Amino acid sequence: MKLVSRFEAAARSTAELLGLLGEAKRAFTRAACGSQERHDALESIRNIEHELASRAPRL
């Protein structure tokens, strides 16, 4: 999976981010431990979740 940067995540809609998050999680579980693909998927998950959290309404 291609790494989703914070900049790229910020440019996507919430619906797109939720789809990408699912893809990243599937890529993470398929990738071999210690591989670059697994690292990229994990970083993508973090970046996407960070962007989604920044959009959440604050109480």
C-alpha atoms as a PDB file:
ATOM      1  CA  MET A   1       0.000   0.000   0.000  1.00  0.00           C
ATOM      2  CA  LYS A   2       1.136   3.523  -0.796  1.00  0.00           C
ATOM      3  CA  LEU A   3       1.757   5.669   2.272  1.00  0.00           C
ATOM      4  CA  VAL A   4      -1.047   8.168   2.955  1.00  0.00           C
ATOM      5  CA  SER A   5       0.633  11.320   4.232  1.00  0.00           C
ATOM      6  CA  ARG A   6      -0.983  13.815   6.598  1.00  0.00           C
ATOM      7  CA  PHE A   7      -1.114  16.303   3.724  1.00  0.00           C
ATOM      8  CA  GLU A   8      -2.919  13.810   1.486  1.00  0.00           C
ATOM      9  CA  ALA A   9      -5.301  12.832   4.290  1.00  0.00           C
ATOM     10  CA  ALA A  10      -6.218  16.474   4.872  1.00  0.00           C
ATOM     11  CA  ALA A  11      -7.192  16.831   1.210  1.00  0.00           C
ATOM     12  CA  ARG A  12      -9.609  13.849   1.283  1.00  0.00           C
ATOM     13  CA  SER A  13     -13.250  13.766   2.308  1.00  0.00           C
ATOM     14  CA  THR A  14     -14.289  11.952   5.455  1.00  0.00           C
ATOM     15  CA  ALA A  15     -15.917   9.212   3.381  1.00  0.00           C
ATOM     16  CA  GLU A  16     -12.703   8.730   1.395  1.00  0.00           C
ATOM     17  CA  LEU A  17     -10.677   8.605   4.608  1.00  0.00           C
ATOM     18  CA  LEU A  18     -12.911   5.924   6.071  1.00  0.00           C
ATOM     19  CA  GLY A  19     -12.434   3.847   2.923  1.00  0.00           C
ATOM     20  CA  LEU A  20      -8.680   4.360   2.988  1.00  0.00           C
ATOM     21  CA  LEU A  21      -8.590   3.435   6.661  1.00  0.00           C
ATOM     22  CA  GLY A  22     -10.194   0.093   5.866  1.00  0.00           C
ATOM     23  CA  GLU A  23      -7.725  -0.510   3.042  1.00  0.00           C
ATOM     24  CA  ALA A  24      -4.782   0.392   5.270  1.00  0.00           C
ATOM     25  CA  LYS A  25      -5.948  -1.955   8.024  1.00  0.00           C
ATOM     26  CA  ARG A  26      -6.333  -4.817   5.545  1.00  0.00           C
ATOM     27  CA  ALA A  27      -2.886  -4.085   4.068  1.00  0.00           C
ATOM     28  CA  PHE A  28      -1.388  -4.073   7.564  1.00  0.00           C
ATOM     29  CA  THR A  29      -2.807  -7.480   8.418  1.00  0.00           C
ATOM     30  CA  ARG A  30      -1.656  -9.002   5.089  1.00  0.00           C
ATOM     31  CA  ALA A  31       1.895  -7.628   5.170  1.00  0.00           C
ATOM     32  CA  ALA A  32       4.800  -9.555   6.614  1.00  0.00           C
ATOM     33  CA  CYS A  33       6.102  -8.468  10.005  1.00  0.00           C
ATOM     34  CA  GLY A  34       8.919  -5.962   9.657  1.00  0.00           C
ATOM     35  CA  SER A  35       8.231  -5.250   5.995  1.00  0.00           C
ATOM     36  CA  GLN A  36       8.133  -1.788   4.442  1.00  0.00           C
ATOM     37  CA  GLU A  37       4.542  -2.424   3.345  1.00  0.00           C
ATOM     38  CA  ARG A  38       3.515  -3.065   6.959  1.00  0.00           C
ATOM     39  CA  HIS A  39       5.333   0.060   8.121  1.00  0.00           C
ATOM     40  CA  ASP A  40       3.652   2.184   5.424  1.00  0.00           C
ATOM     41  CA  ALA A  41       0.236   0.762   6.279  1.00  0.00           C
ATOM     42  CA  LEU A  42       0.720   1.518   9.983  1.00  0.00           C
ATOM     43  CA  GLU A  43       1.851   5.085   9.269  1.00  0.00           C
ATOM     44  CA  SER A  44      -1.125   5.520   6.943  1.00  0.00           C
ATOM     45  CA  ILE A  45      -3.478   4.326   9.681  1.00  0.00           C
ATOM     46  CA  ARG A  46      -1.958   6.815  12.110  1.00  0.00           C
ATOM     47  CA  ASN A  47      -2.171   9.695   9.635  1.00  0.00           C
ATOM     48  CA  ILE A  48      -5.759   8.911   8.661  1.00  0.00           C
ATOM     49  CA  GLU A  49      -6.898   8.489  12.266  1.00  0.00           C
ATOM     50  CA  HIS A  50      -5.189  11.767  13.207  1.00  0.00           C
ATOM     51  CA  GLU A  51      -7.030  13.592  10.424  1.00  0.00           C
ATOM     52  CA  LEU A  52     -10.366  12.016  11.351  1.00  0.00           C
ATOM     53  CA  ALA A  53      -9.848  12.976  15.003  1.00  0.00           C
ATOM     54  CA  SER A  54      -9.091  16.565  14.013  1.00  0.00           C
ATOM     55  CA  ARG A  55     -12.470  16.708  12.237  1.00  0.00           C
ATOM     56  CA  ALA A  56     -14.470  15.332  15.155  1.00  0.00           C
ATOM     57  CA  PRO A  57     -16.743  17.850  16.839  1.00  0.00           C
ATOM     58  CA  ARG A  58     -15.368  19.147  20.110  1.00  0.00           C
ATOM     59  CA  LEU A  59     -17.679  19.216  23.136  1.00  0.00           C
END
